Amino acid sequence: MYGVSYSLRMRVVVQRASRAEVRVDGAVTGRLPEPGLVVLIGVAHGDTEADAARLAAKVWRQRILREETSAEQVGAPLLVISQFTLHADTRKGRRPSWHGAAPRSVSEPLVDAFVAELRALGAHVETGIFGAAMEVELVNDGPFTLIFDSSE
């Protein structure tokens, strides 16, 4: 496994977006109804529901929108999309290794827990479809992109 370390943790890439949508087989499955955040989430081995809850709260409360406001403060919507490729290991060869990503049986419930926690905090959340081939279209506002992981 090319010396892959399983110390990786849940990782999210957050992009401030003026608009965004995700499609599966040409049909829109989620979109930002107004400017908000696009959140790509990758789950690693060893992640827990507590990690998902903590990271969801951090994303929701970060003052990363215009005028240094948080999604929580202004009620900005979130578009959450699962993306196991956030745990790609490209250190060897010409083909990425995906061994750092947790299997579907682990990752899907944790992505669901992340979304559920955001909704419990009051967020309007739309999503892609777990495991589907998705087309993501967004206009990055800034550009502004941050990376968070559950070890923070």
N, C-alpha and C. Protein backbone atom coordinates (compact mmCIF):
# COMPACT_ATOMS: atom_id res chain seq x y z
N MET A 1 0.82 -1.19 0.00
CA MET A 1 0.00 0.00 0.00
C MET A 1 0.86 1.25 0.00
N TYR A 2 2.05 1.16 -0.47
CA TYR A 2 2.94 2.30 -0.66
C TYR A 2 3.19 3.08 0.62
N GLY A 3 3.14 2.40 1.74
CA GLY A 3 3.41 3.08 3.00
C GLY A 3 2.33 4.07 3.39
N VAL A 4 1.10 3.82 2.97
CA VAL A 4 0.01 4.73 3.30
C VAL A 4 -0.20 4.72 4.80
N SER A 5 -0.32 5.89 5.36
CA SER A 5 -0.60 6.02 6.78
C SER A 5 -2.10 6.16 6.97
N TYR A 6 -2.65 5.41 7.88
CA TYR A 6 -4.07 5.54 8.17
C TYR A 6 -4.32 6.57 9.26
N SER A 7 -3.37 7.49 9.44
CA SER A 7 -3.58 8.57 10.39
C SER A 7 -4.30 9.75 9.75
N LEU A 8 -4.65 9.61 8.46
CA LEU A 8 -5.44 10.64 7.80
C LEU A 8 -6.77 10.77 8.52
N ARG A 9 -7.36 11.93 8.42
CA ARG A 9 -8.64 12.15 9.08
C ARG A 9 -9.64 12.72 8.10
N MET A 10 -10.87 12.85 8.54
CA MET A 10 -11.91 13.43 7.71
C MET A 10 -11.43 14.79 7.21
N ARG A 11 -11.65 15.01 5.93
CA ARG A 11 -11.15 16.22 5.30
C ARG A 11 -12.28 16.88 4.53
N VAL A 12 -12.37 18.20 4.65
CA VAL A 12 -13.34 18.95 3.86
C VAL A 12 -12.63 20.11 3.17
N VAL A 13 -13.04 20.32 1.94
CA VAL A 13 -12.61 21.48 1.17
C VAL A 13 -13.83 22.37 1.05
N VAL A 14 -13.70 23.60 1.52
CA VAL A 14 -14.82 24.54 1.55
C VAL A 14 -14.53 25.67 0.57
N GLN A 15 -15.46 25.88 -0.33
CA GLN A 15 -15.34 26.97 -1.29
C GLN A 15 -16.52 27.91 -1.14
N ARG A 16 -16.20 29.18 -1.01
CA ARG A 16 -17.25 30.19 -1.01
C ARG A 16 -17.71 30.32 -2.45
N ALA A 17 -19.03 30.22 -2.68
CA ALA A 17 -19.54 30.21 -4.05
C ALA A 17 -20.70 31.17 -4.21
N SER A 18 -20.71 31.87 -5.34
CA SER A 18 -21.85 32.74 -5.63
C SER A 18 -23.00 31.92 -6.20
N ARG A 19 -22.67 30.79 -6.84
CA ARG A 19 -23.69 29.83 -7.27
C ARG A 19 -23.02 28.48 -7.49
N ALA A 20 -23.82 27.43 -7.36
CA ALA A 20 -23.29 26.08 -7.55
C ALA A 20 -24.44 25.09 -7.69
N GLU A 21 -24.15 24.00 -8.40
CA GLU A 21 -25.11 22.90 -8.47
C GLU A 21 -24.36 21.62 -8.77
N VAL A 22 -24.99 20.51 -8.42
CA VAL A 22 -24.44 19.19 -8.70
C VAL A 22 -25.51 18.42 -9.47
N ARG A 23 -25.05 17.70 -10.50
CA ARG A 23 -25.96 16.92 -11.34
C ARG A 23 -25.50 15.46 -11.39
N VAL A 24 -26.47 14.57 -11.47
CA VAL A 24 -26.22 13.15 -11.68
C VAL A 24 -27.08 12.74 -12.87
N ASP A 25 -26.46 12.18 -13.88
CA ASP A 25 -27.17 11.79 -15.11
C ASP A 25 -27.99 12.94 -15.68
N GLY A 26 -27.44 14.15 -15.62
CA GLY A 26 -28.09 15.32 -16.18
C GLY A 26 -29.14 15.97 -15.30
N ALA A 27 -29.51 15.32 -14.21
CA ALA A 27 -30.54 15.88 -13.32
C ALA A 27 -29.89 16.56 -12.12
N VAL A 28 -30.35 17.75 -11.79
CA VAL A 28 -29.83 18.48 -10.64
C VAL A 28 -30.28 17.77 -9.36
N THR A 29 -29.30 17.42 -8.51
CA THR A 29 -29.62 16.78 -7.23
C THR A 29 -29.45 17.74 -6.06
N GLY A 30 -28.74 18.82 -6.28
CA GLY A 30 -28.55 19.82 -5.24
C GLY A 30 -28.01 21.10 -5.85
N ARG A 31 -28.40 22.22 -5.25
CA ARG A 31 -27.88 23.51 -5.74
C ARG A 31 -27.94 24.51 -4.60
N LEU A 32 -27.10 25.51 -4.71
CA LEU A 32 -27.16 26.62 -3.77
C LEU A 32 -28.27 27.56 -4.26
N PRO A 33 -29.30 27.78 -3.47
CA PRO A 33 -30.38 28.66 -3.90
C PRO A 33 -29.97 30.14 -3.87
N GLU A 34 -28.84 30.42 -3.23
CA GLU A 34 -28.26 31.76 -3.12
C GLU A 34 -26.78 31.56 -2.79
N PRO A 35 -25.98 32.63 -2.75
CA PRO A 35 -24.56 32.45 -2.41
C PRO A 35 -24.38 31.71 -1.08
N GLY A 36 -23.38 30.85 -1.05
CA GLY A 36 -23.13 30.07 0.16
C GLY A 36 -21.82 29.32 0.06
N LEU A 37 -21.79 28.11 0.60
CA LEU A 37 -20.57 27.32 0.65
C LEU A 37 -20.77 25.98 -0.05
N VAL A 38 -19.77 25.60 -0.84
CA VAL A 38 -19.70 24.25 -1.39
C VAL A 38 -18.71 23.50 -0.51
N VAL A 39 -19.12 22.34 -0.01
CA VAL A 39 -18.30 21.56 0.90
C VAL A 39 -18.07 20.18 0.31
N LEU A 40 -16.82 19.90 -0.05
CA LEU A 40 -16.43 18.56 -0.51
C LEU A 40 -15.92 17.82 0.71
N ILE A 41 -16.40 16.61 0.95
CA ILE A 41 -16.03 15.88 2.16
C ILE A 41 -15.50 14.49 1.82
N GLY A 42 -14.36 14.16 2.41
CA GLY A 42 -13.75 12.84 2.27
C GLY A 42 -13.54 12.23 3.64
N VAL A 43 -13.97 11.00 3.82
CA VAL A 43 -13.87 10.30 5.10
C VAL A 43 -12.70 9.32 5.04
N ALA A 44 -11.93 9.28 6.12
CA ALA A 44 -10.78 8.39 6.22
C ALA A 44 -11.04 7.32 7.27
N HIS A 45 -10.17 6.33 7.28
CA HIS A 45 -10.23 5.27 8.29
C HIS A 45 -10.12 5.90 9.68
N GLY A 46 -10.89 5.42 10.61
CA GLY A 46 -10.79 5.89 11.99
C GLY A 46 -11.66 7.09 12.31
N ASP A 47 -12.33 7.66 11.33
CA ASP A 47 -13.22 8.78 11.61
C ASP A 47 -14.46 8.29 12.36
N THR A 48 -15.06 9.20 13.11
CA THR A 48 -16.22 8.87 13.93
C THR A 48 -17.33 9.90 13.73
N GLU A 49 -18.51 9.60 14.29
CA GLU A 49 -19.60 10.57 14.25
C GLU A 49 -19.23 11.84 15.00
N ALA A 50 -18.45 11.71 16.06
CA ALA A 50 -18.00 12.90 16.81
C ALA A 50 -17.13 13.79 15.92
N ASP A 51 -16.28 13.17 15.09
CA ASP A 51 -15.47 13.94 14.15
C ASP A 51 -16.36 14.69 13.16
N ALA A 52 -17.38 13.99 12.65
CA ALA A 52 -18.29 14.60 11.68
C ALA A 52 -19.03 15.77 12.32
N ALA A 53 -19.49 15.62 13.54
CA ALA A 53 -20.22 16.69 14.22
C ALA A 53 -19.32 17.89 14.49
N ARG A 54 -18.13 17.63 14.96
CA ARG A 54 -17.19 18.71 15.27
C ARG A 54 -16.82 19.49 14.01
N LEU A 55 -16.56 18.78 12.92
CA LEU A 55 -16.17 19.43 11.67
C LEU A 55 -17.34 20.19 11.06
N ALA A 56 -18.53 19.65 11.16
CA ALA A 56 -19.72 20.35 10.65
C ALA A 56 -19.91 21.67 11.39
N ALA A 57 -19.79 21.65 12.71
CA ALA A 57 -19.94 22.88 13.50
C ALA A 57 -18.85 23.89 13.14
N LYS A 58 -17.66 23.41 12.91
CA LYS A 58 -16.56 24.32 12.56
C LYS A 58 -16.83 25.00 11.22
N VAL A 59 -17.25 24.24 10.23
CA VAL A 59 -17.56 24.82 8.92
C VAL A 59 -18.71 25.83 9.05
N TRP A 60 -19.76 25.47 9.77
CA TRP A 60 -20.95 26.31 9.92
C TRP A 60 -20.63 27.63 10.61
N ARG A 61 -19.65 27.60 11.53
CA ARG A 61 -19.38 28.79 12.35
C ARG A 61 -18.16 29.61 11.91
N GLN A 62 -17.41 29.11 10.93
CA GLN A 62 -16.25 29.85 10.46
C GLN A 62 -16.68 31.15 9.80
N ARG A 63 -15.99 32.23 10.13
CA ARG A 63 -16.31 33.54 9.57
C ARG A 63 -15.57 33.70 8.25
N ILE A 64 -16.09 33.02 7.22
CA ILE A 64 -15.40 32.96 5.92
C ILE A 64 -16.21 33.54 4.77
N LEU A 65 -17.38 34.03 5.06
CA LEU A 65 -18.17 34.67 4.02
C LEU A 65 -17.79 36.15 3.94
N ARG A 66 -18.36 36.83 2.99
CA ARG A 66 -18.08 38.26 2.84
C ARG A 66 -18.34 38.99 4.15
N GLU A 67 -17.57 40.04 4.38
CA GLU A 67 -17.70 40.87 5.58
C GLU A 67 -17.39 40.09 6.85
N GLU A 68 -16.58 39.01 6.71
CA GLU A 68 -16.16 38.18 7.84
C GLU A 68 -17.34 37.64 8.65
N THR A 69 -18.35 37.16 7.93
CA THR A 69 -19.49 36.54 8.59
C THR A 69 -19.44 35.03 8.38
N SER A 70 -20.15 34.32 9.21
CA SER A 70 -20.25 32.86 9.07
C SER A 70 -21.55 32.50 8.39
N ALA A 71 -21.62 31.28 7.90
CA ALA A 71 -22.87 30.77 7.34
C ALA A 71 -23.96 30.80 8.41
N GLU A 72 -23.57 30.51 9.65
CA GLU A 72 -24.51 30.54 10.76
C GLU A 72 -25.10 31.94 10.95
N GLN A 73 -24.26 32.97 10.88
CA GLN A 73 -24.72 34.34 11.12
C GLN A 73 -25.70 34.83 10.06
N VAL A 74 -25.47 34.44 8.81
CA VAL A 74 -26.30 34.98 7.72
C VAL A 74 -27.24 33.95 7.11
N GLY A 75 -27.22 32.72 7.62
CA GLY A 75 -28.09 31.68 7.11
C GLY A 75 -27.75 31.23 5.70
N ALA A 76 -26.46 31.28 5.36
CA ALA A 76 -26.03 30.89 4.02
C ALA A 76 -26.22 29.39 3.82
N PRO A 77 -26.65 28.98 2.65
CA PRO A 77 -26.85 27.56 2.37
C PRO A 77 -25.51 26.85 2.10
N LEU A 78 -25.54 25.53 2.23
CA LEU A 78 -24.38 24.70 1.95
C LEU A 78 -24.75 23.61 0.96
N LEU A 79 -23.84 23.33 0.06
CA LEU A 79 -23.98 22.22 -0.87
C LEU A 79 -22.87 21.24 -0.52
N VAL A 80 -23.24 20.08 0.03
CA VAL A 80 -22.27 19.09 0.51
C VAL A 80 -22.18 17.94 -0.48
N ILE A 81 -20.93 17.63 -0.87
CA ILE A 81 -20.69 16.60 -1.88
C ILE A 81 -19.60 15.66 -1.38
N SER A 82 -19.91 14.37 -1.32
CA SER A 82 -18.89 13.40 -0.90
C SER A 82 -17.83 13.28 -1.98
N GLN A 83 -16.57 13.16 -1.54
CA GLN A 83 -15.47 13.05 -2.50
C GLN A 83 -14.31 12.29 -1.88
N PHE A 84 -14.28 10.98 -2.12
CA PHE A 84 -13.23 10.14 -1.56
C PHE A 84 -11.86 10.51 -2.10
N THR A 85 -11.80 11.17 -3.25
CA THR A 85 -10.51 11.50 -3.86
C THR A 85 -9.72 12.52 -3.03
N LEU A 86 -10.34 13.12 -2.03
CA LEU A 86 -9.59 14.02 -1.15
C LEU A 86 -8.51 13.27 -0.38
N HIS A 87 -8.60 11.95 -0.35
CA HIS A 87 -7.61 11.13 0.35
C HIS A 87 -6.69 10.39 -0.62
N ALA A 88 -6.52 10.93 -1.81
CA ALA A 88 -5.62 10.31 -2.79
C ALA A 88 -4.17 10.39 -2.31
N ASP A 89 -3.45 9.31 -2.52
CA ASP A 89 -2.01 9.29 -2.25
C ASP A 89 -1.31 9.25 -3.60
N THR A 90 -0.61 10.32 -3.92
CA THR A 90 0.05 10.44 -5.22
C THR A 90 1.57 10.41 -5.10
N ARG A 91 2.07 9.89 -3.99
CA ARG A 91 3.52 9.92 -3.76
C ARG A 91 4.30 8.96 -4.64
N LYS A 92 3.68 7.89 -5.10
CA LYS A 92 4.39 6.90 -5.91
C LYS A 92 3.69 6.67 -7.22
N GLY A 93 4.48 6.51 -8.25
CA GLY A 93 3.94 6.13 -9.54
C GLY A 93 3.10 7.22 -10.19
N ARG A 94 2.33 6.79 -11.18
CA ARG A 94 1.50 7.72 -11.95
C ARG A 94 0.02 7.50 -11.72
N ARG A 95 -0.31 6.64 -10.78
CA ARG A 95 -1.71 6.35 -10.49
C ARG A 95 -1.97 6.57 -9.01
N PRO A 96 -2.95 7.38 -8.66
CA PRO A 96 -3.24 7.61 -7.24
C PRO A 96 -3.69 6.34 -6.54
N SER A 97 -3.39 6.26 -5.27
CA SER A 97 -3.89 5.19 -4.41
C SER A 97 -5.03 5.77 -3.58
N TRP A 98 -6.06 4.97 -3.37
CA TRP A 98 -7.23 5.43 -2.61
C TRP A 98 -7.31 4.74 -1.25
N HIS A 99 -6.24 4.10 -0.81
CA HIS A 99 -6.27 3.34 0.43
C HIS A 99 -6.55 4.19 1.67
N GLY A 100 -6.30 5.48 1.59
CA GLY A 100 -6.56 6.35 2.74
C GLY A 100 -8.04 6.65 2.95
N ALA A 101 -8.84 6.45 1.91
CA ALA A 101 -10.28 6.71 2.02
C ALA A 101 -10.97 5.53 2.68
N ALA A 102 -11.89 5.82 3.57
CA ALA A 102 -12.65 4.76 4.24
C ALA A 102 -13.60 4.11 3.23
N PRO A 103 -13.92 2.83 3.43
CA PRO A 103 -14.88 2.17 2.53
C PRO A 103 -16.27 2.77 2.68
N ARG A 104 -17.09 2.53 1.68
CA ARG A 104 -18.45 3.07 1.66
C ARG A 104 -19.23 2.76 2.94
N SER A 105 -19.07 1.56 3.47
CA SER A 105 -19.81 1.16 4.67
C SER A 105 -19.49 2.05 5.88
N VAL A 106 -18.33 2.68 5.86
CA VAL A 106 -17.92 3.60 6.92
C VAL A 106 -18.22 5.04 6.51
N SER A 107 -17.85 5.37 5.29
CA SER A 107 -17.90 6.78 4.88
C SER A 107 -19.32 7.30 4.63
N GLU A 108 -20.18 6.51 4.02
CA GLU A 108 -21.53 7.03 3.74
C GLU A 108 -22.28 7.44 5.00
N PRO A 109 -22.29 6.60 6.06
CA PRO A 109 -22.98 7.04 7.28
C PRO A 109 -22.35 8.28 7.91
N LEU A 110 -21.04 8.46 7.75
CA LEU A 110 -20.40 9.63 8.34
C LEU A 110 -20.66 10.90 7.52
N VAL A 111 -20.76 10.77 6.22
CA VAL A 111 -21.17 11.92 5.40
C VAL A 111 -22.61 12.29 5.79
N ASP A 112 -23.47 11.29 5.94
CA ASP A 112 -24.85 11.55 6.38
C ASP A 112 -24.88 12.22 7.75
N ALA A 113 -24.00 11.80 8.66
CA ALA A 113 -23.94 12.40 10.00
C ALA A 113 -23.47 13.86 9.92
N PHE A 114 -22.53 14.14 9.03
CA PHE A 114 -22.04 15.51 8.82
C PHE A 114 -23.20 16.39 8.35
N VAL A 115 -23.95 15.92 7.37
CA VAL A 115 -25.09 16.67 6.84
C VAL A 115 -26.16 16.84 7.92
N ALA A 116 -26.44 15.78 8.65
CA ALA A 116 -27.46 15.84 9.71
C ALA A 116 -27.07 16.85 10.79
N GLU A 117 -25.81 16.89 11.13
CA GLU A 117 -25.34 17.85 12.14
C GLU A 117 -25.50 19.28 11.64
N LEU A 118 -25.15 19.53 10.38
CA LEU A 118 -25.35 20.87 9.82
C LEU A 118 -26.83 21.26 9.88
N ARG A 119 -27.69 20.35 9.52
CA ARG A 119 -29.13 20.64 9.55
C ARG A 119 -29.61 20.87 10.98
N ALA A 120 -29.09 20.10 11.93
CA ALA A 120 -29.46 20.29 13.33
C ALA A 120 -29.01 21.65 13.85
N LEU A 121 -27.93 22.18 13.28
CA LEU A 121 -27.44 23.50 13.66
C LEU A 121 -28.24 24.62 13.00
N GLY A 122 -29.14 24.26 12.07
CA GLY A 122 -29.98 25.24 11.42
C GLY A 122 -29.65 25.53 9.97
N ALA A 123 -28.72 24.79 9.40
CA ALA A 123 -28.29 25.05 8.02
C ALA A 123 -29.27 24.49 7.00
N HIS A 124 -29.41 25.23 5.89
CA HIS A 124 -30.08 24.71 4.70
C HIS A 124 -28.99 23.97 3.93
N VAL A 125 -29.12 22.64 3.80
CA VAL A 125 -28.09 21.82 3.16
C VAL A 125 -28.70 21.07 1.99
N GLU A 126 -28.03 21.15 0.86
CA GLU A 126 -28.37 20.31 -0.28
C GLU A 126 -27.15 19.43 -0.54
N THR A 127 -27.36 18.31 -1.27
CA THR A 127 -26.29 17.34 -1.43
C THR A 127 -26.24 16.77 -2.84
N GLY A 128 -25.13 16.12 -3.10
CA GLY A 128 -25.02 15.26 -4.26
C GLY A 128 -25.57 13.89 -3.88
N ILE A 129 -25.22 12.87 -4.64
CA ILE A 129 -25.63 11.49 -4.33
C ILE A 129 -24.37 10.69 -4.06
N PHE A 130 -24.30 10.11 -2.88
CA PHE A 130 -23.10 9.38 -2.46
C PHE A 130 -22.75 8.29 -3.49
N GLY A 131 -21.51 8.28 -3.91
CA GLY A 131 -21.00 7.24 -4.80
C GLY A 131 -21.34 7.41 -6.26
N ALA A 132 -22.15 8.41 -6.59
CA ALA A 132 -22.54 8.62 -7.99
C ALA A 132 -21.46 9.39 -8.74
N ALA A 133 -21.45 9.24 -10.05
CA ALA A 133 -20.61 10.09 -10.90
C ALA A 133 -21.34 11.42 -11.01
N MET A 134 -20.77 12.45 -10.44
CA MET A 134 -21.44 13.74 -10.35
C MET A 134 -20.71 14.79 -11.19
N GLU A 135 -21.48 15.71 -11.71
CA GLU A 135 -20.93 16.91 -12.34
C GLU A 135 -21.19 18.06 -11.38
N VAL A 136 -20.12 18.73 -10.99
CA VAL A 136 -20.24 19.84 -10.06
C VAL A 136 -19.87 21.12 -10.80
N GLU A 137 -20.76 22.06 -10.75
CA GLU A 137 -20.53 23.35 -11.39
C GLU A 137 -20.64 24.42 -10.31
N LEU A 138 -19.61 25.27 -10.23
CA LEU A 138 -19.67 26.33 -9.25
C LEU A 138 -18.91 27.55 -9.72
N VAL A 139 -19.31 28.67 -9.18
CA VAL A 139 -18.57 29.91 -9.38
C VAL A 139 -17.99 30.26 -8.03
N ASN A 140 -16.68 30.13 -7.91
CA ASN A 140 -15.98 30.39 -6.65
C ASN A 140 -15.96 31.89 -6.43
N ASP A 141 -16.40 32.33 -5.28
CA ASP A 141 -16.47 33.74 -4.93
C ASP A 141 -15.19 34.13 -4.21
N GLY A 142 -14.34 34.83 -4.88
CA GLY A 142 -13.09 35.26 -4.26
C GLY A 142 -11.95 35.35 -5.25
N PRO A 143 -11.35 34.25 -5.62
CA PRO A 143 -11.61 32.87 -5.18
C PRO A 143 -11.26 32.67 -3.71
N PHE A 144 -12.02 31.79 -3.10
CA PHE A 144 -11.85 31.54 -1.68
C PHE A 144 -12.06 30.06 -1.42
N THR A 145 -11.00 29.37 -1.01
CA THR A 145 -11.04 27.93 -0.74
C THR A 145 -10.23 27.63 0.51
N LEU A 146 -10.80 26.86 1.41
CA LEU A 146 -10.10 26.43 2.64
C LEU A 146 -10.18 24.92 2.76
N ILE A 147 -9.21 24.35 3.47
CA ILE A 147 -9.20 22.92 3.75
C ILE A 147 -9.21 22.75 5.27
N PHE A 148 -10.15 21.93 5.75
CA PHE A 148 -10.22 21.59 7.17
C PHE A 148 -10.10 20.08 7.30
N ASP A 149 -9.58 19.62 8.45
CA ASP A 149 -9.66 18.19 8.72
C ASP A 149 -10.01 18.00 10.19
N SER A 150 -10.43 16.79 10.51
CA SER A 150 -10.96 16.53 11.86
C SER A 150 -9.88 16.47 12.92
N SER A 151 -8.62 16.58 12.56
CA SER A 151 -7.57 16.58 13.58
C SER A 151 -7.34 17.98 14.12
N GLU A 152 -7.99 18.99 13.54
CA GLU A 152 -7.81 20.38 13.99
C GLU A 152 -8.61 20.67 15.23
